[in-house]
Amino acid sequence: MAGMPVDRRRIEDWLIARIASLQGIDPAQVEVDESFIANGLSSTSSVALIGDLGKALGVPLPETLTWEYPTIAALAEHVARTGASPHDD
């Protein structure tokens, strides 16, 4: 995805919105520096989240990313460094 704009904040916003939707909560309740588990995700929902993120980015992502980068902030930073940015939904 060379040349595609990379924006960590946009990735964070996408993750916050998706987690809030999955949990049925207001996005303001999602904490970017808390673990995905603390934000209410199970192992299964974390794997699904990574799958959804990969689809939004148009790139395959390893299912283990939420274990390697256990917070929204850490995951967004990592994904931004890979050169991918979510498509608008």
N, C-alpha and C. Protein backbone atom coordinates (compact mmCIF):
# COMPACT_ATOMS: atom_id res chain seq x y z
N MET A 1 0.82 -1.19 0.00
CA MET A 1 0.00 0.00 0.00
C MET A 1 0.86 1.25 0.00
N ALA A 2 1.97 1.16 -0.69
CA ALA A 2 2.88 2.31 -0.76
C ALA A 2 2.14 3.52 -1.32
N GLY A 3 2.41 4.66 -0.73
CA GLY A 3 1.82 5.90 -1.19
C GLY A 3 0.46 6.21 -0.57
N MET A 4 -0.13 5.27 0.12
CA MET A 4 -1.42 5.52 0.76
C MET A 4 -1.20 6.31 2.04
N PRO A 5 -2.03 7.33 2.30
CA PRO A 5 -1.84 8.11 3.53
C PRO A 5 -2.00 7.24 4.78
N VAL A 6 -1.14 7.48 5.73
CA VAL A 6 -1.18 6.73 6.99
C VAL A 6 -1.59 7.70 8.09
N ASP A 7 -2.58 7.32 8.85
CA ASP A 7 -3.09 8.20 9.88
C ASP A 7 -3.47 7.38 11.11
N ARG A 8 -2.60 7.38 12.11
CA ARG A 8 -2.84 6.62 13.33
C ARG A 8 -4.16 7.02 13.97
N ARG A 9 -4.46 8.29 13.99
CA ARG A 9 -5.69 8.77 14.63
C ARG A 9 -6.93 8.24 13.91
N ARG A 10 -6.88 8.18 12.61
CA ARG A 10 -8.01 7.65 11.84
C ARG A 10 -8.23 6.17 12.15
N ILE A 11 -7.13 5.44 12.30
CA ILE A 11 -7.23 4.02 12.67
C ILE A 11 -7.80 3.89 14.08
N GLU A 12 -7.32 4.71 15.00
CA GLU A 12 -7.87 4.70 16.37
C GLU A 12 -9.36 4.97 16.35
N ASP A 13 -9.78 5.99 15.60
CA ASP A 13 -11.20 6.34 15.52
C ASP A 13 -12.03 5.17 14.98
N TRP A 14 -11.49 4.49 13.97
CA TRP A 14 -12.19 3.33 13.40
C TRP A 14 -12.34 2.24 14.47
N LEU A 15 -11.24 1.95 15.18
CA LEU A 15 -11.27 0.92 16.22
C LEU A 15 -12.23 1.30 17.34
N ILE A 16 -12.22 2.54 17.77
CA ILE A 16 -13.13 3.01 18.82
C ILE A 16 -14.57 2.83 18.39
N ALA A 17 -14.88 3.27 17.18
CA ALA A 17 -16.26 3.15 16.68
C ALA A 17 -16.69 1.69 16.59
N ARG A 18 -15.80 0.82 16.12
CA ARG A 18 -16.15 -0.58 15.96
C ARG A 18 -16.35 -1.25 17.31
N ILE A 19 -15.46 -0.97 18.27
CA ILE A 19 -15.59 -1.56 19.60
C ILE A 19 -16.86 -1.06 20.29
N ALA A 20 -17.13 0.24 20.17
CA ALA A 20 -18.36 0.79 20.77
C ALA A 20 -19.58 0.12 20.17
N SER A 21 -19.57 -0.09 18.87
CA SER A 21 -20.69 -0.76 18.21
C SER A 21 -20.84 -2.20 18.70
N LEU A 22 -19.74 -2.91 18.78
CA LEU A 22 -19.78 -4.30 19.27
C LEU A 22 -20.29 -4.39 20.70
N GLN A 23 -19.90 -3.43 21.52
CA GLN A 23 -20.27 -3.46 22.94
C GLN A 23 -21.59 -2.75 23.23
N GLY A 24 -22.12 -2.03 22.24
CA GLY A 24 -23.37 -1.31 22.46
C GLY A 24 -23.21 -0.16 23.44
N ILE A 25 -22.06 0.51 23.35
CA ILE A 25 -21.78 1.63 24.26
C ILE A 25 -21.43 2.89 23.46
N ASP A 26 -21.38 4.00 24.14
CA ASP A 26 -20.98 5.26 23.52
C ASP A 26 -19.48 5.20 23.24
N PRO A 27 -19.04 5.67 22.08
CA PRO A 27 -17.61 5.67 21.78
C PRO A 27 -16.73 6.37 22.83
N ALA A 28 -17.29 7.33 23.54
CA ALA A 28 -16.54 8.03 24.58
C ALA A 28 -16.16 7.11 25.74
N GLN A 29 -16.85 5.98 25.85
CA GLN A 29 -16.55 5.02 26.92
C GLN A 29 -15.40 4.08 26.58
N VAL A 30 -14.98 4.07 25.34
CA VAL A 30 -13.88 3.20 24.91
C VAL A 30 -12.56 3.89 25.23
N GLU A 31 -11.68 3.19 25.94
CA GLU A 31 -10.40 3.74 26.38
C GLU A 31 -9.27 3.25 25.48
N VAL A 32 -8.58 4.18 24.81
CA VAL A 32 -7.53 3.79 23.86
C VAL A 32 -6.29 3.21 24.53
N ASP A 33 -6.07 3.53 25.79
CA ASP A 33 -4.88 3.02 26.49
C ASP A 33 -5.17 1.82 27.39
N GLU A 34 -6.40 1.33 27.36
CA GLU A 34 -6.77 0.12 28.10
C GLU A 34 -6.69 -1.07 27.14
N SER A 35 -6.57 -2.25 27.71
CA SER A 35 -6.49 -3.46 26.88
C SER A 35 -7.82 -3.70 26.17
N PHE A 36 -7.75 -4.49 25.11
CA PHE A 36 -8.97 -4.87 24.42
C PHE A 36 -9.89 -5.64 25.37
N ILE A 37 -9.32 -6.44 26.26
CA ILE A 37 -10.10 -7.17 27.25
C ILE A 37 -10.82 -6.19 28.18
N ALA A 38 -10.11 -5.17 28.66
CA ALA A 38 -10.71 -4.17 29.53
C ALA A 38 -11.82 -3.40 28.80
N ASN A 39 -11.71 -3.31 27.48
CA ASN A 39 -12.74 -2.66 26.67
C ASN A 39 -13.87 -3.63 26.30
N GLY A 40 -13.86 -4.82 26.91
CA GLY A 40 -14.97 -5.75 26.78
C GLY A 40 -14.88 -6.78 25.68
N LEU A 41 -13.74 -6.89 25.01
CA LEU A 41 -13.62 -7.86 23.93
C LEU A 41 -13.10 -9.20 24.45
N SER A 42 -13.66 -10.26 23.93
CA SER A 42 -13.17 -11.61 24.21
C SER A 42 -12.13 -11.97 23.16
N SER A 43 -11.53 -13.13 23.30
CA SER A 43 -10.59 -13.61 22.28
C SER A 43 -11.26 -13.69 20.92
N THR A 44 -12.47 -14.22 20.90
CA THR A 44 -13.21 -14.38 19.66
C THR A 44 -13.53 -13.03 19.02
N SER A 45 -14.01 -12.09 19.83
CA SER A 45 -14.35 -10.78 19.27
C SER A 45 -13.10 -10.00 18.86
N SER A 46 -11.97 -10.25 19.52
CA SER A 46 -10.71 -9.61 19.12
C SER A 46 -10.26 -10.10 17.75
N VAL A 47 -10.39 -11.40 17.52
CA VAL A 47 -10.03 -11.97 16.22
C VAL A 47 -10.95 -11.40 15.14
N ALA A 48 -12.24 -11.30 15.45
CA ALA A 48 -13.20 -10.73 14.49
C ALA A 48 -12.86 -9.27 14.20
N LEU A 49 -12.47 -8.52 15.24
CA LEU A 49 -12.10 -7.12 15.07
C LEU A 49 -10.93 -6.99 14.11
N ILE A 50 -9.91 -7.83 14.27
CA ILE A 50 -8.75 -7.78 13.38
C ILE A 50 -9.17 -8.13 11.95
N GLY A 51 -10.06 -9.10 11.81
CA GLY A 51 -10.57 -9.44 10.48
C GLY A 51 -11.29 -8.27 9.84
N ASP A 52 -12.13 -7.59 10.63
CA ASP A 52 -12.85 -6.42 10.12
C ASP A 52 -11.88 -5.29 9.76
N LEU A 53 -10.87 -5.09 10.59
CA LEU A 53 -9.88 -4.05 10.31
C LEU A 53 -9.12 -4.38 9.03
N GLY A 54 -8.74 -5.62 8.86
CA GLY A 54 -8.05 -6.03 7.64
C GLY A 54 -8.90 -5.78 6.41
N LYS A 55 -10.19 -6.06 6.50
CA LYS A 55 -11.10 -5.79 5.38
C LYS A 55 -11.19 -4.29 5.11
N ALA A 56 -11.29 -3.49 6.16
CA ALA A 56 -11.37 -2.04 5.99
C ALA A 56 -10.09 -1.48 5.37
N LEU A 57 -8.96 -2.10 5.70
CA LEU A 57 -7.68 -1.65 5.17
C LEU A 57 -7.39 -2.22 3.78
N GLY A 58 -8.06 -3.33 3.47
CA GLY A 58 -7.79 -3.99 2.21
C GLY A 58 -6.51 -4.81 2.23
N VAL A 59 -6.08 -5.20 3.45
CA VAL A 59 -4.88 -6.02 3.60
C VAL A 59 -5.13 -7.09 4.65
N PRO A 60 -4.53 -8.26 4.48
CA PRO A 60 -4.67 -9.29 5.52
C PRO A 60 -3.85 -8.90 6.74
N LEU A 61 -4.41 -9.11 7.91
CA LEU A 61 -3.70 -8.83 9.16
C LEU A 61 -3.65 -10.10 10.00
N PRO A 62 -2.54 -10.34 10.70
CA PRO A 62 -2.45 -11.52 11.56
C PRO A 62 -3.49 -11.45 12.68
N GLU A 63 -4.14 -12.57 12.94
CA GLU A 63 -5.16 -12.63 13.99
C GLU A 63 -4.60 -12.35 15.37
N THR A 64 -3.30 -12.45 15.55
CA THR A 64 -2.66 -12.27 16.86
C THR A 64 -2.35 -10.82 17.20
N LEU A 65 -2.70 -9.88 16.34
CA LEU A 65 -2.32 -8.49 16.58
C LEU A 65 -2.82 -7.92 17.91
N THR A 66 -4.01 -8.32 18.35
CA THR A 66 -4.49 -7.76 19.62
C THR A 66 -3.74 -8.30 20.82
N TRP A 67 -3.04 -9.42 20.64
CA TRP A 67 -2.18 -9.92 21.72
C TRP A 67 -0.82 -9.23 21.66
N GLU A 68 -0.33 -9.01 20.49
CA GLU A 68 0.97 -8.35 20.32
C GLU A 68 0.89 -6.86 20.63
N TYR A 69 -0.24 -6.25 20.31
CA TYR A 69 -0.48 -4.81 20.53
C TYR A 69 -1.81 -4.71 21.27
N PRO A 70 -1.79 -4.85 22.60
CA PRO A 70 -3.02 -5.08 23.37
C PRO A 70 -3.90 -3.86 23.66
N THR A 71 -3.56 -2.69 23.12
CA THR A 71 -4.41 -1.52 23.31
C THR A 71 -4.73 -0.92 21.94
N ILE A 72 -5.78 -0.13 21.90
CA ILE A 72 -6.13 0.55 20.65
C ILE A 72 -4.98 1.43 20.19
N ALA A 73 -4.39 2.18 21.13
CA ALA A 73 -3.29 3.09 20.78
C ALA A 73 -2.11 2.31 20.18
N ALA A 74 -1.73 1.22 20.82
CA ALA A 74 -0.59 0.43 20.33
C ALA A 74 -0.89 -0.21 18.98
N LEU A 75 -2.09 -0.76 18.82
CA LEU A 75 -2.45 -1.39 17.56
C LEU A 75 -2.52 -0.36 16.44
N ALA A 76 -3.12 0.79 16.70
CA ALA A 76 -3.23 1.83 15.68
C ALA A 76 -1.85 2.32 15.26
N GLU A 77 -0.96 2.49 16.21
CA GLU A 77 0.40 2.92 15.89
C GLU A 77 1.10 1.89 15.01
N HIS A 78 0.98 0.63 15.36
CA HIS A 78 1.60 -0.44 14.57
C HIS A 78 1.02 -0.49 13.16
N VAL A 79 -0.29 -0.47 13.05
CA VAL A 79 -0.92 -0.55 11.74
C VAL A 79 -0.57 0.67 10.89
N ALA A 80 -0.53 1.84 11.51
CA ALA A 80 -0.16 3.05 10.77
C ALA A 80 1.25 2.94 10.21
N ARG A 81 2.15 2.34 10.98
CA ARG A 81 3.54 2.17 10.50
C ARG A 81 3.62 1.21 9.33
N THR A 82 2.62 0.33 9.18
CA THR A 82 2.64 -0.62 8.05
C THR A 82 2.22 0.06 6.76
N GLY A 83 1.71 1.26 6.86
CA GLY A 83 1.32 2.00 5.65
C GLY A 83 -0.10 1.80 5.21
N ALA A 84 -0.97 1.34 6.12
CA ALA A 84 -2.37 1.12 5.77
C ALA A 84 -3.25 2.10 6.52
N SER A 85 -4.38 2.44 5.94
CA SER A 85 -5.34 3.33 6.56
C SER A 85 -6.75 2.86 6.20
N PRO A 86 -7.69 2.83 7.15
CA PRO A 86 -9.02 2.33 6.85
C PRO A 86 -9.71 3.12 5.75
N HIS A 87 -10.49 2.41 4.93
CA HIS A 87 -11.33 3.04 3.92
C HIS A 87 -12.52 3.66 4.64
N ASP A 88 -13.08 4.70 4.08
CA ASP A 88 -14.30 5.27 4.66
C ASP A 88 -15.44 4.28 4.50
N ASP A 89 -16.24 4.11 5.56
CA ASP A 89 -17.40 3.21 5.48
C ASP A 89 -18.61 3.98 5.03
